């Protein structure tokens, strides 16, 4: 149980006492929310025949903006590449604005930052929101949990003005963490979730939904370009697509279900042999995941096929293997997406090389994968809320 100890004598303002009472309620809140990967009947299976599927996509498609310079409604926001592990960007919350560095995450749906009441060790080294310094802040009586693959947080819901570059969301609901577990050593303050809204009265409305509802973005899409080799130039764009960030045409993939950025994968192969996903599987396209995650048994088999050896939670391999190992190919909606050895073999700070495949921590009843940044550095990705689909094309 979480305990928050604060001397009431240090708070003289009526507003702050109300906030303390609210935080006291957190100790009695329950309910852990997880983000499951689910397998349901795909659009491909529901619509009999490939031609029928293509007809549906054409009927519901719209033209994305072709260019994105000054004068357009497209917002391009820079991201910082942290050692090819995380891609984070700056936002501000409050009036006057307080700046935070957050992970832009398609695998979760909540925006949250640490609060001044968070005493967890993970909070002590990060920027914490000071609610008393914001004239537009207001509190609620809602509390919630979020469980991630690497940790979990406990928070309260508040409202304030949030800015992502030129985009402004007034009275935006967001989370303030009062306890964090497993986030020690992270290089960002909080998380900005870009997944679909989860059906829970206690969860804050995602900021993308709020921006869409208030007409701040011209088209209900956002897209990512993630740089390689720790280079600069990574961006997230809202309201359209700048086509200079990819080559060829965008290939559109319908979502498994219109409540999560999960798509259907036909198979995973290497040297023309199917090595996983033999009967088809699902995959969450997740900008908040560094690696490619899959079922432990299948990931272990891939490690053996490429000659990687386990040690200290990683699978190590000779760095020279990048010159000899073949690509691992993800076939999605009939299109092959190769992941070459140069992408799935990574070099650590001490010069040793390890693979980018990880076993999922949460087991599911059906085969499911997570396509993280290792995959998304290769393929520019467009997340289309208007048509419930994801567009992929080779990144520049």
Protein backbone atom coordinates (compact mmCIF):
# COMPACT_ATOMS: atom_id res chain seq x y z
CA UNK A 1 0.00 0.00 0.00
CA UNK A 2 1.24 3.47 -0.89
CA UNK A 3 1.61 5.96 1.93
CA UNK A 4 2.01 9.68 1.35
CA UNK A 5 3.24 11.66 4.34
CA UNK A 6 3.10 15.45 4.18
CA UNK A 7 2.97 18.04 6.90
CA UNK A 8 -0.29 19.97 6.61
CA UNK A 9 1.34 22.99 8.19
CA UNK A 10 3.43 23.49 5.07
CA UNK A 11 0.36 23.97 2.91
CA UNK A 12 -1.69 27.02 3.63
CA UNK A 13 -3.58 27.35 0.41
CA UNK A 14 -7.01 25.79 0.20
CA UNK A 15 -6.24 24.40 -3.25
CA UNK A 16 -3.21 22.46 -2.09
CA UNK A 17 -5.11 20.91 0.85
CA UNK A 18 -7.73 19.63 -1.56
CA UNK A 19 -4.92 18.07 -3.63
CA UNK A 20 -3.52 16.34 -0.53
CA UNK A 21 -6.90 14.85 0.30
CA UNK A 22 -7.12 13.54 -3.25
CA UNK A 23 -3.70 11.94 -3.06
CA UNK A 24 -4.69 10.25 0.17
CA UNK A 25 -7.38 8.45 -1.77
CA UNK A 26 -4.74 6.82 -3.96
CA UNK A 27 -3.76 4.48 -1.12
CA UNK A 28 -7.21 2.91 -1.26
CA UNK A 29 -7.53 2.61 -5.03
CA UNK A 30 -7.35 -0.76 -6.74
CA UNK A 31 -7.50 -2.10 -10.26
CA UNK A 32 -4.43 -2.84 -12.37
CA UNK A 33 -4.80 -2.06 -16.06
CA UNK A 34 -2.74 -4.02 -18.56
CA UNK A 35 -2.48 -3.65 -22.32
CA UNK A 36 -3.18 -7.15 -23.67
CA UNK A 37 -2.40 -8.44 -27.13
CA UNK A 38 -5.51 -10.11 -28.48
CA UNK A 39 -6.21 -12.24 -31.50
CA UNK A 40 -9.61 -11.69 -33.07
CA UNK A 41 -10.99 -12.34 -36.52
CA UNK A 42 -9.11 -10.17 -39.00
CA UNK A 43 -10.66 -8.02 -41.71
CA UNK A 44 -9.03 -10.33 -44.24
CA UNK A 45 -10.84 -13.32 -42.81
CA UNK A 46 -14.12 -11.47 -42.40
CA UNK A 47 -14.18 -10.29 -46.01
CA UNK A 48 -14.26 -13.26 -48.36
CA UNK A 49 -11.70 -12.73 -51.07
CA UNK A 50 -8.77 -10.41 -51.62
CA UNK A 51 -10.62 -8.27 -54.17
CA UNK A 52 -13.38 -7.49 -51.69
CA UNK A 53 -10.80 -6.34 -49.13
CA UNK A 54 -9.13 -4.06 -51.65
CA UNK A 55 -12.53 -2.61 -52.62
CA UNK A 56 -13.25 -1.77 -49.00
CA UNK A 57 -9.88 -0.07 -48.54
CA UNK A 58 -10.35 1.98 -51.70
CA UNK A 59 -13.87 2.99 -50.70
CA UNK A 60 -12.79 4.27 -47.29
CA UNK A 61 -9.44 5.75 -48.24
CA UNK A 62 -8.64 9.43 -48.42
CA UNK A 63 -5.68 11.28 -49.83
CA UNK A 64 -3.05 12.22 -47.29
CA UNK A 65 -1.42 15.62 -47.72
CA UNK A 66 1.42 15.42 -50.25
CA UNK A 67 3.65 18.04 -48.71
CA UNK A 68 4.17 19.53 -45.30
CA UNK A 69 5.92 22.88 -45.17
CA UNK A 70 4.92 26.23 -43.72
CA UNK A 71 1.29 27.07 -44.17
CA UNK A 72 0.11 23.48 -43.97
CA UNK A 73 -1.74 21.93 -41.05
CA UNK A 74 0.97 19.34 -40.52
CA UNK A 75 2.98 19.54 -37.32
CA UNK A 76 6.43 17.92 -37.41
CA UNK A 77 7.90 17.49 -33.94
CA UNK A 78 11.56 16.54 -33.42
CA UNK A 79 12.51 13.45 -31.44
CA UNK A 80 15.81 12.67 -29.77
CA UNK A 81 17.43 9.30 -30.49
CA UNK A 82 18.82 7.89 -27.25
CA UNK A 83 21.36 5.21 -28.21
CA UNK A 84 18.92 3.62 -30.66
CA UNK A 85 16.91 2.48 -27.64
CA UNK A 86 14.33 5.21 -27.13
CA UNK A 87 12.94 8.14 -29.11
CA UNK A 88 11.79 11.00 -26.92
CA UNK A 89 10.53 14.53 -27.47
CA UNK A 90 9.81 17.63 -25.42
CA UNK A 91 6.33 18.78 -24.46
CA UNK A 92 5.12 21.38 -21.98
CA UNK A 93 2.35 21.23 -19.41
CA UNK A 94 0.79 24.09 -17.47
CA UNK A 95 0.66 27.89 -17.44
CA UNK A 96 3.38 29.07 -17.49
CA UNK A 97 4.66 25.98 -19.33
CA UNK A 98 6.78 23.37 -17.57
CA UNK A 99 8.91 21.25 -19.94
CA UNK A 100 9.13 17.45 -19.90
CA UNK A 101 10.90 14.88 -22.03
CA UNK A 102 8.48 12.07 -22.86
CA UNK A 103 8.49 8.80 -24.77
CA UNK A 104 6.02 8.90 -27.70
CA UNK A 105 4.46 5.45 -27.36
CA UNK A 106 1.96 3.73 -29.66
CA UNK A 107 1.79 0.79 -27.26
CA UNK A 108 -0.06 2.72 -24.54
CA UNK A 109 -2.74 5.39 -24.44
CA UNK A 110 -2.07 7.66 -21.43
CA UNK A 111 0.00 10.82 -21.12
CA UNK A 112 1.67 11.00 -17.72
CA UNK A 113 4.58 12.69 -15.97
CA UNK A 114 5.89 12.48 -12.40
CA UNK A 115 4.23 14.56 -9.69
CA UNK A 116 5.94 16.34 -6.80
CA UNK A 117 4.32 13.75 -4.52
CA UNK A 118 6.14 10.82 -6.12
CA UNK A 119 8.85 9.60 -3.75
CA UNK A 120 9.88 6.56 -5.77
CA UNK A 121 13.55 6.43 -6.66
CA UNK A 122 12.61 6.56 -10.34
CA UNK A 123 11.00 9.97 -9.82
CA UNK A 124 13.87 11.54 -7.91
CA UNK A 125 16.07 11.95 -10.99
CA UNK A 126 13.38 13.31 -13.32
CA UNK A 127 11.45 16.52 -13.78
CA UNK A 128 8.29 16.53 -11.66
CA UNK A 129 5.19 18.59 -12.37
CA UNK A 130 4.59 21.38 -9.86
CA UNK A 131 0.85 21.87 -9.89
CA UNK A 132 0.84 24.93 -7.64
CA UNK A 133 2.84 26.85 -10.23
CA UNK A 134 0.21 26.42 -12.97
CA UNK A 135 -2.79 28.74 -13.14
CA UNK A 136 -4.67 26.38 -15.50
CA UNK A 137 -4.29 23.22 -13.42
CA UNK A 138 -7.29 21.41 -11.99
CA UNK A 139 -7.58 18.10 -10.22
CA UNK A 140 -10.03 15.19 -10.32
CA UNK A 141 -10.91 12.32 -7.99
CA UNK A 142 -9.80 9.62 -10.46
CA UNK A 143 -6.88 7.26 -9.86
CA UNK A 144 -5.39 4.52 -12.03
CA UNK A 145 -2.62 1.96 -12.56
CA UNK A 146 -0.71 1.24 -15.77
CA UNK A 147 1.42 -1.87 -16.22
CA UNK A 148 4.12 -1.80 -18.93
CA UNK A 149 6.55 -4.48 -20.02
CA UNK A 150 9.35 -2.84 -18.03
CA UNK A 151 7.46 -1.54 -15.01
CA UNK A 152 4.29 0.04 -13.70
CA UNK A 153 3.05 3.32 -12.33
CA UNK A 154 0.28 4.54 -10.07
CA UNK A 155 -1.23 7.91 -10.72
CA UNK A 156 -4.01 10.44 -10.36
CA UNK A 157 -5.82 12.20 -13.19
CA UNK A 158 -5.49 15.97 -13.55
CA UNK A 159 -6.22 18.56 -16.26
CA UNK A 160 -4.02 21.30 -17.70
CA UNK A 161 -2.81 22.86 -20.95
CA UNK A 162 -0.46 20.57 -22.90
CA UNK A 163 1.64 21.67 -25.86
CA UNK A 164 3.39 19.51 -28.46
CA UNK A 165 5.23 22.08 -30.52
CA UNK A 166 2.53 24.25 -32.09
CA UNK A 167 -0.27 21.87 -31.08
CA UNK A 168 -2.16 23.00 -27.99
CA UNK A 169 -4.65 20.88 -26.04
CA UNK A 170 -6.50 22.94 -23.47
CA UNK A 171 -7.81 21.30 -20.32
CA UNK A 172 -6.11 18.06 -21.36
CA UNK A 173 -6.60 15.16 -18.93
CA UNK A 174 -3.28 13.53 -18.03
CA UNK A 175 -1.75 11.38 -15.34
CA UNK A 176 0.50 12.44 -12.49
CA UNK A 177 2.46 9.52 -11.07
CA UNK A 178 2.63 9.15 -7.32
CA UNK A 179 4.51 5.84 -7.43
CA UNK A 180 6.68 4.23 -10.11
CA UNK A 181 8.23 0.78 -10.20
CA UNK A 182 10.83 -0.55 -12.63
CA UNK A 183 11.65 2.73 -14.38
CA UNK A 184 15.00 3.36 -12.67
CA UNK A 185 17.64 4.72 -15.01
CA UNK A 186 15.27 5.67 -17.79
CA UNK A 187 16.25 8.66 -19.91
CA UNK A 188 12.83 10.32 -20.08
CA UNK A 189 10.43 11.88 -17.58
CA UNK A 190 7.14 10.35 -18.66
CA UNK A 191 5.16 8.73 -21.46
CA UNK A 192 2.85 10.16 -24.11
CA UNK A 193 0.55 7.34 -25.18
CA UNK A 194 -0.75 7.32 -28.75
CA UNK A 195 -2.76 4.12 -28.71
CA UNK A 196 -6.55 4.00 -28.90
CA UNK A 197 -8.48 5.09 -25.82
CA UNK A 198 -9.04 2.23 -23.40
CA UNK A 199 -12.55 1.59 -22.12
CA UNK A 200 -12.13 2.77 -18.55
CA UNK A 201 -13.78 5.69 -16.81
CA UNK A 202 -10.61 6.31 -14.78
CA UNK A 203 -8.21 6.56 -17.74
CA UNK A 204 -7.42 10.03 -19.09
CA UNK A 205 -8.58 10.72 -22.66
CA UNK A 206 -5.54 10.30 -24.95
CA UNK A 207 -4.13 13.58 -26.18
CA UNK A 208 -4.45 12.57 -29.84
CA UNK A 209 -8.19 12.01 -29.35
CA UNK A 210 -8.51 15.39 -27.66
CA UNK A 211 -6.60 17.16 -30.46
CA UNK A 212 -8.72 15.36 -33.05
CA UNK A 213 -11.99 16.21 -31.30
CA UNK A 214 -11.16 19.90 -31.00
CA UNK A 215 -10.11 20.16 -34.66
CA UNK A 216 -6.45 20.94 -33.95
CA UNK A 217 -5.26 18.48 -36.63
CA UNK A 218 -6.50 18.41 -40.21
CA UNK A 219 -6.42 14.63 -40.68
CA UNK A 220 -6.66 11.95 -37.95
CA UNK A 221 -3.20 10.52 -38.65
CA UNK A 222 0.28 10.63 -37.16
CA UNK A 223 3.54 9.16 -38.41
CA UNK A 224 7.07 8.30 -37.25
CA UNK A 225 10.48 8.53 -38.83
CA UNK A 226 13.11 6.98 -36.55
CA UNK A 227 16.77 7.62 -37.30
CA UNK A 228 19.49 4.95 -37.27
CA UNK A 229 22.88 4.74 -35.52
CA UNK A 230 22.01 7.43 -32.96
CA UNK A 231 21.79 10.06 -35.68
CA UNK A 232 19.62 13.15 -35.42
CA UNK A 233 16.55 13.76 -37.55
CA UNK A 234 13.91 11.55 -35.90
CA UNK A 235 10.41 13.06 -35.96
CA UNK A 236 6.79 12.41 -35.15
CA UNK A 237 4.27 14.22 -37.36
CA UNK A 238 0.63 14.96 -36.67
CA UNK A 239 -2.18 15.71 -39.10
CA UNK A 240 -0.58 14.39 -42.30
CA UNK A 241 2.48 12.83 -43.89
CA UNK A 242 5.66 14.35 -45.30
CA UNK A 243 6.47 11.99 -48.16
CA UNK A 244 10.15 12.96 -48.22
CA UNK A 245 10.75 10.62 -45.26
CA UNK A 246 10.18 7.40 -47.20
CA UNK A 247 10.66 5.83 -50.61
CA UNK A 248 8.12 4.13 -52.86
CA UNK A 249 4.47 3.83 -51.89
CA UNK A 250 2.84 3.35 -48.52
CA UNK A 251 1.46 -0.15 -48.12
CA UNK A 252 -1.69 -0.07 -46.00
CA UNK A 253 -2.40 -2.80 -43.46
CA UNK A 254 -5.83 -3.02 -41.76
CA UNK A 255 -5.87 -3.35 -37.99
CA UNK A 256 -6.95 -6.60 -36.37
CA UNK A 257 -9.48 -4.58 -34.43
CA UNK A 258 -10.12 -0.84 -34.28
CA UNK A 259 -8.98 -0.41 -30.69
CA UNK A 260 -5.26 -1.18 -30.82
CA UNK A 261 -2.32 -0.76 -33.23
CA UNK A 262 -2.18 -4.51 -33.81
CA UNK A 263 -1.91 -5.92 -37.34
CA UNK A 264 -1.93 -9.40 -38.83
CA UNK A 265 1.38 -10.95 -39.93
CA UNK A 266 1.28 -13.70 -42.55
CA UNK A 267 4.56 -15.40 -41.57
CA UNK A 268 8.14 -14.86 -40.41
CA UNK A 269 10.82 -16.52 -42.53
CA UNK A 270 14.57 -16.83 -43.08
CA UNK A 271 16.33 -18.42 -46.09
CA UNK A 272 12.88 -19.10 -47.58
CA UNK A 273 11.93 -21.24 -44.57
CA UNK A 274 9.14 -20.25 -42.18
CA UNK A 275 10.67 -19.90 -38.72
CA UNK A 276 7.70 -18.44 -36.82
CA UNK A 277 4.10 -17.33 -37.33
CA UNK A 278 3.50 -20.38 -39.51
CA UNK A 279 -0.29 -20.11 -39.27
CA UNK A 280 -0.37 -16.33 -39.19
CA UNK A 281 -0.10 -14.23 -36.03
CA UNK A 282 -0.70 -10.74 -34.67
CA UNK A 283 1.85 -8.01 -34.01
CA UNK A 284 1.57 -4.75 -32.09
CA UNK A 285 3.38 -1.91 -33.89
CA UNK A 286 4.97 -0.26 -30.87
CA UNK A 287 7.21 2.83 -30.93
CA UNK A 288 7.70 2.44 -27.19
CA UNK A 289 9.43 -0.94 -27.55
CA UNK A 290 13.13 -1.01 -28.37
CA UNK A 291 13.29 -4.54 -29.80
CA UNK A 292 11.25 -7.22 -31.55
CA UNK A 293 9.41 -9.32 -28.97
CA UNK A 294 7.76 -12.69 -29.45
CA UNK A 295 6.84 -15.95 -27.70
CA UNK A 296 9.81 -17.33 -25.77
CA UNK A 297 9.92 -20.69 -27.54
CA UNK A 298 9.95 -19.13 -31.00
CA UNK A 299 12.43 -16.42 -30.06
CA UNK A 300 14.77 -19.05 -28.64
CA UNK A 301 14.54 -20.94 -31.90
CA UNK A 302 15.50 -17.82 -33.86
CA UNK A 303 18.47 -17.27 -31.53
CA UNK A 304 19.68 -20.80 -32.26
CA UNK A 305 19.22 -20.41 -36.01
CA UNK A 306 21.44 -17.33 -36.08
CA UNK A 307 23.96 -18.75 -33.58
CA UNK A 308 23.35 -16.43 -30.62
CA UNK A 309 24.27 -17.58 -27.09
CA UNK A 310 22.35 -16.53 -23.94
CA UNK A 311 24.10 -14.62 -21.18
CA UNK A 312 22.72 -12.14 -18.61
CA UNK A 313 19.27 -11.70 -20.21
CA UNK A 314 20.74 -11.11 -23.67
CA UNK A 315 21.77 -13.33 -26.55
CA UNK A 316 25.30 -12.50 -27.72
CA UNK A 317 26.74 -13.11 -31.15
CA UNK A 318 29.95 -12.36 -33.05
CA UNK A 319 29.89 -8.85 -34.47
CA UNK A 320 31.20 -10.21 -37.77
CA UNK A 321 27.97 -12.19 -38.20
CA UNK A 322 26.31 -9.11 -39.69
CA UNK A 323 28.23 -9.87 -42.88
CA UNK A 324 27.04 -13.46 -43.23
CA UNK A 325 23.59 -13.84 -41.64
CA UNK A 326 20.50 -13.49 -43.85
CA UNK A 327 17.58 -11.16 -43.39
CA UNK A 328 14.61 -12.23 -41.30
CA UNK A 329 11.50 -11.43 -43.32
CA UNK A 330 8.13 -10.39 -41.91
CA UNK A 331 5.42 -10.88 -44.54
CA UNK A 332 2.54 -8.51 -43.79
CA UNK A 333 -0.58 -8.26 -45.95
CA UNK A 334 1.30 -10.06 -48.73
CA UNK A 335 4.28 -7.65 -48.67
CA UNK A 336 7.74 -8.75 -47.52
CA UNK A 337 9.50 -6.55 -44.94
CA UNK A 338 13.11 -7.74 -44.57
CA UNK A 339 14.98 -7.05 -41.33
CA UNK A 340 18.68 -7.48 -42.24
CA UNK A 341 21.36 -8.66 -39.86
CA UNK A 342 22.70 -5.11 -39.67
CA UNK A 343 19.40 -4.19 -38.02
CA UNK A 344 18.83 -7.16 -35.69
CA UNK A 345 22.43 -7.38 -34.45
CA UNK A 346 23.26 -4.50 -32.12
CA UNK A 347 26.58 -3.42 -30.63
CA UNK A 348 26.75 -2.61 -26.93
CA UNK A 349 28.79 0.09 -25.21
CA UNK A 350 31.62 -2.41 -24.52
CA UNK A 351 31.89 -3.50 -28.13
CA UNK A 352 30.04 -6.80 -27.74
CA UNK A 353 27.19 -7.61 -30.11
CA UNK A 354 23.78 -9.00 -29.18
CA UNK A 355 20.52 -9.70 -30.98
CA UNK A 356 17.42 -7.53 -31.03
CA UNK A 357 14.98 -10.40 -30.39
CA UNK A 358 13.40 -10.68 -26.94
CA UNK A 359 10.94 -13.05 -25.34
CA UNK A 360 7.68 -11.39 -24.34
CA UNK A 361 7.18 -11.08 -20.60
CA UNK A 362 3.42 -11.50 -20.84
CA UNK A 363 2.21 -14.77 -22.30
CA UNK A 364 -0.87 -14.91 -24.49
CA UNK A 365 -3.06 -17.80 -25.59
CA UNK A 366 -2.23 -17.18 -29.26
CA UNK A 367 1.01 -16.31 -31.01
CA UNK A 368 1.64 -12.56 -30.92
CA UNK A 369 4.64 -10.32 -31.51
CA UNK A 370 5.71 -6.74 -30.89
CA UNK A 371 7.39 -4.82 -33.71
CA UNK A 372 9.46 -2.21 -31.93
CA UNK A 373 12.06 0.34 -32.99
CA UNK A 374 14.37 -2.25 -34.59
CA UNK A 375 11.67 -2.77 -37.20
CA UNK A 376 10.44 0.84 -37.33
CA UNK A 377 13.88 2.27 -38.04
CA UNK A 378 13.68 0.43 -41.34
CA UNK A 379 10.08 1.32 -42.18
CA UNK A 380 8.42 4.71 -41.99
CA UNK A 381 5.07 4.19 -40.24
CA UNK A 382 1.76 6.02 -40.56
CA UNK A 383 -0.95 5.45 -37.95
CA UNK A 384 -4.32 6.21 -39.55
CA UNK A 385 -7.11 6.58 -37.00
CA UNK A 386 -9.57 7.68 -39.67
CA UNK A 387 -9.41 4.34 -41.47
CA UNK A 388 -8.08 2.07 -38.68
CA UNK A 389 -4.96 1.02 -40.53
CA UNK A 390 -1.17 1.38 -40.56
CA UNK A 391 0.90 2.43 -43.55
CA UNK A 392 4.46 1.14 -43.99
CA UNK A 393 7.15 2.11 -46.50
CA UNK A 394 10.97 1.90 -46.59
CA UNK A 395 12.40 4.78 -44.58
CA UNK A 396 14.83 7.22 -46.18
